[in-house]
Amino acid sequence: MTDVTPAPARPSLKHPGVLLATWFGSGYLPKAPGTWGSLAALPFAWVLMDMGGVLALSIATITVFVVGMWASKDFMDRTGRHDPGAIVIDEVAGMWIVLLIAPLDPAAYGVSFILFRLFDIFKPWPISWADTSLGGAWGVMVDDVLAGVFGLAILYLILTYGTPYLGGLI
């Protein structure tokens, strides 16, 4: 006899893959889980940058990407759904990419957050291509990595050429 119990729509945080895929449950917060996941990534990045600089955040970003490949697959296997909103470890990786060049300043982190979310939500090409064309865990993780790279590029331009429209906040 086969088990016909449907996969849980919201797997328990007791499973390490679920805990990490949802970035410690932030993906389970109501409305806009990607925004919550991106916000939840900020304090971790701040501490990593404060304690170990760009090298620490770079290593952590690569680690989160690799772990995110496993955790997102685990979550999708548990739910039977591709890229459900509760998976936000991809937002963590993407958000941290933008923050690689951000100074430790609340305004810079705010601008970084906005840039990442804009690219993650609107998905210009090739982000949209990665989102729709890549399958499995690659499809979950790569579009957010690209959104992070796009956000990093724009943040670089802002930091390099000034911020007249931001009133000198950063």
N, C-alpha and C. Protein backbone atom coordinates (compact mmCIF):
# COMPACT_ATOMS: atom_id res chain seq x y z
N MET A 1 0.84 -1.18 0.00
CA MET A 1 0.00 0.00 0.00
C MET A 1 0.89 1.24 0.00
N THR A 2 0.57 2.22 -0.85
CA THR A 2 1.37 3.44 -0.92
C THR A 2 0.74 4.51 -0.05
N ASP A 3 1.60 5.39 0.42
CA ASP A 3 1.16 6.51 1.25
C ASP A 3 0.58 7.59 0.35
N VAL A 4 -0.67 7.95 0.57
CA VAL A 4 -1.32 8.98 -0.24
C VAL A 4 -1.50 10.28 0.54
N THR A 5 -0.76 10.41 1.63
CA THR A 5 -0.83 11.63 2.42
C THR A 5 -0.21 12.77 1.60
N PRO A 6 -0.93 13.87 1.41
CA PRO A 6 -0.36 14.97 0.62
C PRO A 6 0.81 15.62 1.36
N ALA A 7 1.73 16.15 0.58
CA ALA A 7 2.87 16.85 1.18
C ALA A 7 2.36 18.08 1.92
N PRO A 8 2.98 18.40 3.05
CA PRO A 8 2.53 19.57 3.80
C PRO A 8 2.80 20.86 3.03
N ALA A 9 1.85 21.76 3.08
CA ALA A 9 2.02 23.06 2.41
C ALA A 9 3.04 23.91 3.15
N ARG A 10 3.18 23.62 4.43
CA ARG A 10 4.09 24.40 5.27
C ARG A 10 4.88 23.43 6.15
N PRO A 11 5.96 22.89 5.61
CA PRO A 11 6.74 21.93 6.39
C PRO A 11 7.28 22.55 7.69
N SER A 12 7.51 21.70 8.64
CA SER A 12 7.97 22.12 9.97
C SER A 12 9.39 22.68 9.92
N LEU A 13 9.62 23.68 10.73
CA LEU A 13 10.95 24.28 10.85
C LEU A 13 11.91 23.36 11.59
N LYS A 14 11.44 22.22 12.06
CA LYS A 14 12.31 21.26 12.73
C LYS A 14 13.28 20.61 11.76
N HIS A 15 12.95 20.63 10.48
CA HIS A 15 13.83 20.05 9.46
C HIS A 15 14.89 21.09 9.09
N PRO A 16 16.18 20.75 9.14
CA PRO A 16 17.22 21.73 8.82
C PRO A 16 17.06 22.37 7.43
N GLY A 17 16.66 21.59 6.44
CA GLY A 17 16.47 22.15 5.09
C GLY A 17 15.37 23.18 5.06
N VAL A 18 14.30 22.94 5.79
CA VAL A 18 13.19 23.89 5.85
C VAL A 18 13.61 25.13 6.63
N LEU A 19 14.29 24.93 7.75
CA LEU A 19 14.75 26.06 8.57
C LEU A 19 15.63 27.00 7.75
N LEU A 20 16.53 26.42 6.97
CA LEU A 20 17.44 27.25 6.17
C LEU A 20 16.75 27.82 4.93
N ALA A 21 15.94 27.02 4.25
CA ALA A 21 15.25 27.51 3.05
C ALA A 21 14.38 28.71 3.37
N THR A 22 13.75 28.70 4.55
CA THR A 22 12.87 29.81 4.96
C THR A 22 13.64 30.87 5.75
N TRP A 23 14.92 30.75 5.80
CA TRP A 23 15.82 31.63 6.57
C TRP A 23 15.27 31.86 7.98
N PHE A 24 15.25 30.75 8.70
CA PHE A 24 14.85 30.71 10.10
C PHE A 24 13.39 31.12 10.30
N GLY A 25 12.57 30.80 9.30
CA GLY A 25 11.14 31.03 9.39
C GLY A 25 10.67 32.35 8.81
N SER A 26 11.57 33.22 8.38
CA SER A 26 11.14 34.52 7.84
C SER A 26 10.31 34.34 6.57
N GLY A 27 10.52 33.27 5.84
CA GLY A 27 9.72 33.00 4.65
C GLY A 27 8.29 32.62 4.96
N TYR A 28 8.01 32.32 6.23
CA TYR A 28 6.65 32.00 6.65
C TYR A 28 5.88 33.22 7.15
N LEU A 29 6.52 34.37 7.20
CA LEU A 29 5.81 35.58 7.63
C LEU A 29 4.76 35.95 6.58
N PRO A 30 3.67 36.58 7.02
CA PRO A 30 2.58 36.87 6.07
C PRO A 30 2.95 37.96 5.07
N LYS A 31 2.40 37.84 3.86
CA LYS A 31 2.55 38.84 2.80
C LYS A 31 4.03 39.09 2.46
N ALA A 32 4.36 39.00 1.23
CA ALA A 32 5.69 39.34 0.68
C ALA A 32 6.84 38.62 1.38
N PRO A 33 6.89 37.29 1.33
CA PRO A 33 7.96 36.57 2.00
C PRO A 33 9.35 36.95 1.49
N GLY A 34 9.47 37.27 0.21
CA GLY A 34 10.77 37.69 -0.33
C GLY A 34 11.28 38.95 0.32
N THR A 35 10.38 39.85 0.63
CA THR A 35 10.77 41.09 1.32
C THR A 35 11.22 40.77 2.73
N TRP A 36 10.47 39.90 3.42
CA TRP A 36 10.87 39.51 4.78
C TRP A 36 12.22 38.81 4.78
N GLY A 37 12.43 37.92 3.81
CA GLY A 37 13.70 37.21 3.73
C GLY A 37 14.86 38.16 3.46
N SER A 38 14.63 39.15 2.60
CA SER A 38 15.66 40.15 2.30
C SER A 38 15.98 40.97 3.54
N LEU A 39 14.94 41.36 4.27
CA LEU A 39 15.15 42.11 5.51
C LEU A 39 15.89 41.28 6.55
N ALA A 40 15.53 40.00 6.64
CA ALA A 40 16.17 39.12 7.61
C ALA A 40 17.65 38.89 7.29
N ALA A 41 18.04 39.10 6.04
CA ALA A 41 19.43 38.93 5.64
C ALA A 41 20.31 40.08 6.12
N LEU A 42 19.72 41.26 6.31
CA LEU A 42 20.51 42.46 6.60
C LEU A 42 21.34 42.38 7.89
N PRO A 43 20.75 42.01 9.04
CA PRO A 43 21.59 42.00 10.25
C PRO A 43 22.72 40.99 10.19
N PHE A 44 22.50 39.86 9.55
CA PHE A 44 23.56 38.87 9.40
C PHE A 44 24.71 39.47 8.59
N ALA A 45 24.37 40.14 7.49
CA ALA A 45 25.39 40.76 6.64
C ALA A 45 26.15 41.83 7.41
N TRP A 46 25.44 42.63 8.19
CA TRP A 46 26.08 43.70 8.96
C TRP A 46 27.13 43.10 9.90
N VAL A 47 26.75 42.06 10.63
CA VAL A 47 27.67 41.42 11.59
C VAL A 47 28.86 40.82 10.86
N LEU A 48 28.61 40.14 9.74
CA LEU A 48 29.70 39.55 8.97
C LEU A 48 30.67 40.61 8.47
N MET A 49 30.14 41.71 7.95
CA MET A 49 31.00 42.79 7.44
C MET A 49 31.76 43.46 8.59
N ASP A 50 31.08 43.65 9.71
CA ASP A 50 31.72 44.29 10.86
C ASP A 50 32.85 43.43 11.42
N MET A 51 32.63 42.14 11.45
CA MET A 51 33.62 41.24 12.07
C MET A 51 34.72 40.79 11.11
N GLY A 52 34.38 40.60 9.83
CA GLY A 52 35.37 40.04 8.92
C GLY A 52 35.49 40.72 7.58
N GLY A 53 34.73 41.79 7.36
CA GLY A 53 34.83 42.54 6.12
C GLY A 53 34.28 41.79 4.91
N VAL A 54 34.71 42.26 3.75
CA VAL A 54 34.21 41.73 2.49
C VAL A 54 34.54 40.24 2.34
N LEU A 55 35.69 39.83 2.83
CA LEU A 55 36.05 38.41 2.72
C LEU A 55 35.04 37.53 3.46
N ALA A 56 34.69 37.90 4.68
CA ALA A 56 33.73 37.11 5.46
C ALA A 56 32.37 37.07 4.77
N LEU A 57 31.90 38.21 4.26
CA LEU A 57 30.60 38.24 3.60
C LEU A 57 30.65 37.47 2.27
N SER A 58 31.77 37.53 1.57
CA SER A 58 31.92 36.78 0.32
C SER A 58 31.85 35.27 0.57
N ILE A 59 32.59 34.81 1.56
CA ILE A 59 32.58 33.38 1.90
C ILE A 59 31.19 32.96 2.35
N ALA A 60 30.55 33.79 3.16
CA ALA A 60 29.20 33.48 3.63
C ALA A 60 28.21 33.45 2.48
N THR A 61 28.36 34.34 1.51
CA THR A 61 27.46 34.38 0.35
C THR A 61 27.59 33.11 -0.48
N ILE A 62 28.81 32.69 -0.73
CA ILE A 62 29.03 31.46 -1.48
C ILE A 62 28.46 30.27 -0.70
N THR A 63 28.69 30.25 0.59
CA THR A 63 28.17 29.18 1.44
C THR A 63 26.65 29.14 1.41
N VAL A 64 26.02 30.31 1.53
CA VAL A 64 24.56 30.37 1.51
C VAL A 64 24.03 29.93 0.15
N PHE A 65 24.74 30.25 -0.93
CA PHE A 65 24.30 29.79 -2.25
C PHE A 65 24.33 28.27 -2.31
N VAL A 66 25.43 27.66 -1.89
CA VAL A 66 25.55 26.20 -1.95
C VAL A 66 24.53 25.55 -1.03
N VAL A 67 24.41 26.03 0.20
CA VAL A 67 23.43 25.50 1.13
C VAL A 67 22.02 25.73 0.59
N GLY A 68 21.82 26.88 -0.04
CA GLY A 68 20.51 27.20 -0.62
C GLY A 68 20.10 26.25 -1.72
N MET A 69 21.07 25.77 -2.48
CA MET A 69 20.76 24.77 -3.52
C MET A 69 20.17 23.52 -2.86
N TRP A 70 20.81 23.06 -1.80
CA TRP A 70 20.32 21.87 -1.09
C TRP A 70 19.00 22.14 -0.38
N ALA A 71 18.94 23.26 0.37
CA ALA A 71 17.76 23.55 1.18
C ALA A 71 16.52 23.81 0.32
N SER A 72 16.69 24.51 -0.79
CA SER A 72 15.53 24.78 -1.64
C SER A 72 15.03 23.49 -2.29
N LYS A 73 15.95 22.61 -2.68
CA LYS A 73 15.52 21.31 -3.23
C LYS A 73 14.80 20.51 -2.16
N ASP A 74 15.33 20.51 -0.95
CA ASP A 74 14.69 19.79 0.15
C ASP A 74 13.28 20.33 0.39
N PHE A 75 13.13 21.64 0.41
CA PHE A 75 11.82 22.25 0.64
C PHE A 75 10.86 21.90 -0.50
N MET A 76 11.33 22.00 -1.73
CA MET A 76 10.47 21.68 -2.87
C MET A 76 10.08 20.21 -2.88
N ASP A 77 11.00 19.33 -2.49
CA ASP A 77 10.67 17.91 -2.39
C ASP A 77 9.60 17.66 -1.33
N ARG A 78 9.66 18.40 -0.23
CA ARG A 78 8.69 18.22 0.86
C ARG A 78 7.30 18.74 0.48
N THR A 79 7.25 19.79 -0.35
CA THR A 79 5.97 20.41 -0.69
C THR A 79 5.44 19.98 -2.05
N GLY A 80 6.31 19.49 -2.91
CA GLY A 80 5.91 19.15 -4.26
C GLY A 80 5.66 20.37 -5.13
N ARG A 81 6.16 21.52 -4.71
CA ARG A 81 5.96 22.77 -5.46
C ARG A 81 7.30 23.34 -5.88
N HIS A 82 7.34 23.94 -7.09
CA HIS A 82 8.56 24.59 -7.57
C HIS A 82 8.59 26.04 -7.09
N ASP A 83 9.66 26.40 -6.46
CA ASP A 83 9.94 27.77 -6.01
C ASP A 83 8.79 28.42 -5.25
N PRO A 84 8.29 27.78 -4.18
CA PRO A 84 7.26 28.43 -3.39
C PRO A 84 7.82 29.68 -2.69
N GLY A 85 6.95 30.62 -2.43
CA GLY A 85 7.37 31.89 -1.85
C GLY A 85 8.08 31.77 -0.51
N ALA A 86 7.80 30.71 0.24
CA ALA A 86 8.41 30.55 1.56
C ALA A 86 9.92 30.34 1.48
N ILE A 87 10.42 29.88 0.33
CA ILE A 87 11.87 29.75 0.17
C ILE A 87 12.44 31.14 -0.01
N VAL A 88 13.25 31.57 0.95
CA VAL A 88 13.84 32.91 0.88
C VAL A 88 15.36 32.91 1.03
N ILE A 89 15.97 31.73 1.12
CA ILE A 89 17.43 31.69 1.20
C ILE A 89 18.05 32.26 -0.07
N ASP A 90 17.32 32.21 -1.17
CA ASP A 90 17.79 32.81 -2.42
C ASP A 90 17.86 34.33 -2.29
N GLU A 91 16.90 34.92 -1.58
CA GLU A 91 16.94 36.36 -1.33
C GLU A 91 18.14 36.72 -0.46
N VAL A 92 18.48 35.86 0.48
CA VAL A 92 19.63 36.11 1.34
C VAL A 92 20.90 36.19 0.49
N ALA A 93 21.10 35.20 -0.38
CA ALA A 93 22.29 35.20 -1.23
C ALA A 93 22.33 36.45 -2.12
N GLY A 94 21.21 36.77 -2.75
CA GLY A 94 21.17 37.95 -3.61
C GLY A 94 21.39 39.25 -2.87
N MET A 95 20.76 39.37 -1.71
CA MET A 95 20.89 40.58 -0.89
C MET A 95 22.34 40.76 -0.46
N TRP A 96 22.97 39.68 -0.06
CA TRP A 96 24.36 39.77 0.38
C TRP A 96 25.31 40.16 -0.75
N ILE A 97 24.97 39.80 -1.98
CA ILE A 97 25.81 40.21 -3.11
C ILE A 97 25.82 41.73 -3.23
N VAL A 98 24.66 42.35 -3.14
CA VAL A 98 24.60 43.82 -3.21
C VAL A 98 25.41 44.43 -2.08
N LEU A 99 25.30 43.85 -0.89
CA LEU A 99 25.94 44.41 0.30
C LEU A 99 27.45 44.25 0.32
N LEU A 100 28.00 43.50 -0.63
CA LEU A 100 29.46 43.33 -0.67
C LEU A 100 30.20 44.65 -0.80
N ILE A 101 29.58 45.64 -1.42
CA ILE A 101 30.26 46.93 -1.59
C ILE A 101 29.61 48.04 -0.77
N ALA A 102 28.58 47.73 -0.02
CA ALA A 102 27.89 48.76 0.76
C ALA A 102 28.68 49.09 2.02
N PRO A 103 28.85 50.38 2.31
CA PRO A 103 29.47 50.73 3.58
C PRO A 103 28.55 50.35 4.74
N LEU A 104 29.14 50.17 5.90
CA LEU A 104 28.34 49.86 7.09
C LEU A 104 27.64 51.13 7.54
N ASP A 105 26.54 51.39 6.89
CA ASP A 105 25.76 52.59 7.13
C ASP A 105 24.29 52.24 6.89
N PRO A 106 23.40 52.61 7.81
CA PRO A 106 21.99 52.24 7.62
C PRO A 106 21.40 52.73 6.30
N ALA A 107 21.77 53.92 5.86
CA ALA A 107 21.24 54.44 4.59
C ALA A 107 21.73 53.59 3.42
N ALA A 108 23.00 53.20 3.44
CA ALA A 108 23.55 52.37 2.37
C ALA A 108 22.86 51.01 2.35
N TYR A 109 22.59 50.47 3.52
CA TYR A 109 21.88 49.19 3.58
C TYR A 109 20.44 49.36 3.08
N GLY A 110 19.83 50.48 3.38
CA GLY A 110 18.48 50.74 2.89
C GLY A 110 18.43 50.85 1.37
N VAL A 111 19.38 51.57 0.80
CA VAL A 111 19.45 51.69 -0.66
C VAL A 111 19.74 50.33 -1.29
N SER A 112 20.62 49.57 -0.69
CA SER A 112 20.94 48.22 -1.19
C SER A 112 19.70 47.34 -1.18
N PHE A 113 18.95 47.41 -0.10
CA PHE A 113 17.72 46.63 0.02
C PHE A 113 16.74 47.00 -1.09
N ILE A 114 16.54 48.29 -1.31
CA ILE A 114 15.61 48.76 -2.34
C ILE A 114 16.07 48.30 -3.73
N LEU A 115 17.35 48.45 -4.01
CA LEU A 115 17.86 48.04 -5.33
C LEU A 115 17.64 46.54 -5.55
N PHE A 116 18.00 45.74 -4.56
CA PHE A 116 17.82 44.31 -4.72
C PHE A 116 16.35 43.95 -4.92
N ARG A 117 15.47 44.51 -4.10
CA ARG A 117 14.06 44.16 -4.21
C ARG A 117 13.49 44.59 -5.57
N LEU A 118 13.90 45.75 -6.08
CA LEU A 118 13.41 46.19 -7.39
C LEU A 118 13.79 45.21 -8.49
N PHE A 119 15.06 44.77 -8.49
CA PHE A 119 15.49 43.82 -9.51
C PHE A 119 14.86 42.45 -9.29
N ASP A 120 14.66 42.07 -8.04
CA ASP A 120 14.06 40.77 -7.75
C ASP A 120 12.57 40.75 -8.13
N ILE A 121 11.90 41.85 -7.96
CA ILE A 121 10.45 41.91 -8.26
C ILE A 121 10.21 42.08 -9.76
N PHE A 122 10.90 43.03 -10.38
CA PHE A 122 10.62 43.35 -11.79
C PHE A 122 11.35 42.44 -12.78
N LYS A 123 12.43 41.83 -12.36
CA LYS A 123 13.14 40.82 -13.14
C LYS A 123 13.41 41.19 -14.60
N PRO A 124 14.23 42.22 -14.85
CA PRO A 124 14.60 42.49 -16.24
C PRO A 124 15.46 41.33 -16.76
N TRP A 125 15.56 41.23 -18.10
CA TRP A 125 16.39 40.19 -18.69
C TRP A 125 17.83 40.42 -18.27
N PRO A 126 18.61 39.45 -17.92
CA PRO A 126 18.45 38.00 -17.97
C PRO A 126 17.88 37.40 -16.69
N ILE A 127 17.50 38.24 -15.74
CA ILE A 127 16.93 37.72 -14.49
C ILE A 127 15.64 36.96 -14.80
N SER A 128 14.81 37.53 -15.67
CA SER A 128 13.55 36.87 -16.03
C SER A 128 13.80 35.56 -16.75
N TRP A 129 14.83 35.52 -17.58
CA TRP A 129 15.18 34.28 -18.26
C TRP A 129 15.55 33.20 -17.25
N ALA A 130 16.40 33.54 -16.28
CA ALA A 130 16.82 32.57 -15.28
C ALA A 130 15.62 32.09 -14.47
N ASP A 131 14.72 33.01 -14.16
CA ASP A 131 13.54 32.67 -13.36
C ASP A 131 12.63 31.69 -14.07
N THR A 132 12.48 31.84 -15.39
CA THR A 132 11.53 31.00 -16.12
C THR A 132 12.18 29.80 -16.82
N SER A 133 13.47 29.86 -17.07
CA SER A 133 14.11 28.82 -17.88
C SER A 133 14.89 27.78 -17.09
N LEU A 134 15.41 28.15 -15.96
CA LEU A 134 16.19 27.21 -15.18
C LEU A 134 15.26 26.44 -14.25
N GLY A 135 15.48 25.18 -14.13
CA GLY A 135 14.63 24.36 -13.29
C GLY A 135 15.27 24.04 -11.95
N GLY A 136 14.48 23.46 -11.08
CA GLY A 136 14.96 22.98 -9.80
C GLY A 136 15.59 24.06 -8.94
N ALA A 137 16.56 23.64 -8.15
CA ALA A 137 17.22 24.57 -7.23
C ALA A 137 17.97 25.67 -7.97
N TRP A 138 18.50 25.35 -9.17
CA TRP A 138 19.17 26.38 -9.97
C TRP A 138 18.20 27.52 -10.28
N GLY A 139 17.00 27.16 -10.67
CA GLY A 139 16.00 28.18 -10.98
C GLY A 139 15.62 29.03 -9.78
N VAL A 140 15.64 28.42 -8.61
CA VAL A 140 15.32 29.16 -7.38
C VAL A 140 16.43 30.16 -7.06
N MET A 141 17.67 29.71 -7.15
CA MET A 141 18.79 30.51 -6.65
C MET A 141 19.35 31.53 -7.65
N VAL A 142 19.44 31.15 -8.92
CA VAL A 142 20.20 31.98 -9.87
C VAL A 142 19.53 33.31 -10.17
N ASP A 143 18.20 33.36 -10.25
CA ASP A 143 17.57 34.66 -10.57
C ASP A 143 17.85 35.68 -9.46
N ASP A 144 17.91 35.23 -8.21
CA ASP A 144 18.20 36.17 -7.13
C ASP A 144 19.67 36.57 -7.10
N VAL A 145 20.55 35.65 -7.48
CA VAL A 145 21.96 36.00 -7.61
C VAL A 145 22.11 37.08 -8.68
N LEU A 146 21.44 36.91 -9.80
CA LEU A 146 21.50 37.93 -10.86
C LEU A 146 20.91 39.26 -10.39
N ALA A 147 19.80 39.21 -9.65
CA ALA A 147 19.23 40.45 -9.10
C ALA A 147 20.24 41.12 -8.18
N GLY A 148 20.98 40.32 -7.42
CA GLY A 148 22.02 40.86 -6.56
C GLY A 148 23.15 41.50 -7.35
N VAL A 149 23.55 40.88 -8.44
CA VAL A 149 24.62 41.44 -9.28
C VAL A 149 24.16 42.76 -9.90
N PHE A 150 22.92 42.81 -10.38
CA PHE A 150 22.39 44.04 -10.95
C PHE A 150 22.34 45.14 -9.88
N GLY A 151 21.87 44.78 -8.69
CA GLY A 151 21.81 45.75 -7.60
C GLY A 151 23.20 46.24 -7.22
N LEU A 152 24.16 45.33 -7.18
CA LEU A 152 25.54 45.70 -6.87
C LEU A 152 26.08 46.68 -7.91
N ALA A 153 25.79 46.44 -9.19
CA ALA A 153 26.27 47.34 -10.26
C ALA A 153 25.71 48.74 -10.09
N ILE A 154 24.43 48.84 -9.79
CA ILE A 154 23.81 50.17 -9.62
C ILE A 154 24.34 50.84 -8.35
N LEU A 155 24.49 50.07 -7.28
CA LEU A 155 25.05 50.63 -6.05
C LEU A 155 26.47 51.13 -6.30
N TYR A 156 27.24 50.39 -7.07
CA TYR A 156 28.59 50.82 -7.41
C TYR A 156 28.56 52.18 -8.12
N LEU A 157 27.65 52.33 -9.08
CA LEU A 157 27.54 53.61 -9.79
C LEU A 157 27.15 54.73 -8.84
N ILE A 158 26.23 54.45 -7.94
CA ILE A 158 25.81 55.46 -6.96
C ILE A 158 26.98 55.86 -6.07
N LEU A 159 27.72 54.87 -5.58
CA LEU A 159 28.83 55.17 -4.67
C LEU A 159 29.99 55.84 -5.40
N THR A 160 30.18 55.51 -6.68
CA THR A 160 31.29 56.06 -7.45
C THR A 160 31.02 57.47 -7.95
N TYR A 161 29.81 57.70 -8.44
CA TYR A 161 29.52 58.97 -9.09
C TYR A 161 28.67 59.91 -8.25
N GLY A 162 28.49 59.59 -7.01
CA GLY A 162 27.78 60.50 -6.13
C GLY A 162 26.31 60.17 -6.00
N THR A 163 25.70 60.86 -5.07
CA THR A 163 24.31 60.58 -4.75
C THR A 163 23.50 61.87 -4.66
N PRO A 164 23.49 62.70 -5.70
CA PRO A 164 22.76 63.97 -5.59
C PRO A 164 21.27 63.78 -5.33
N TYR A 165 20.68 62.69 -5.80
CA TYR A 165 19.26 62.48 -5.62
C TYR A 165 18.93 61.84 -4.28
N LEU A 166 19.95 61.41 -3.57
CA LEU A 166 19.72 60.83 -2.26
C LEU A 166 20.09 61.80 -1.15
N GLY A 167 20.35 63.03 -1.52
CA GLY A 167 20.65 64.05 -0.52
C GLY A 167 21.91 63.77 0.26
N GLY A 168 22.85 63.08 -0.35
CA GLY A 168 24.11 62.78 0.33
C GLY A 168 23.97 61.78 1.45
N LEU A 169 22.93 60.97 1.43
CA LEU A 169 22.74 59.98 2.49
C LEU A 169 23.86 58.95 2.52
N ILE A 170 24.33 58.59 1.32
CA ILE A 170 25.43 57.62 1.29
C ILE A 170 26.55 58.12 0.41
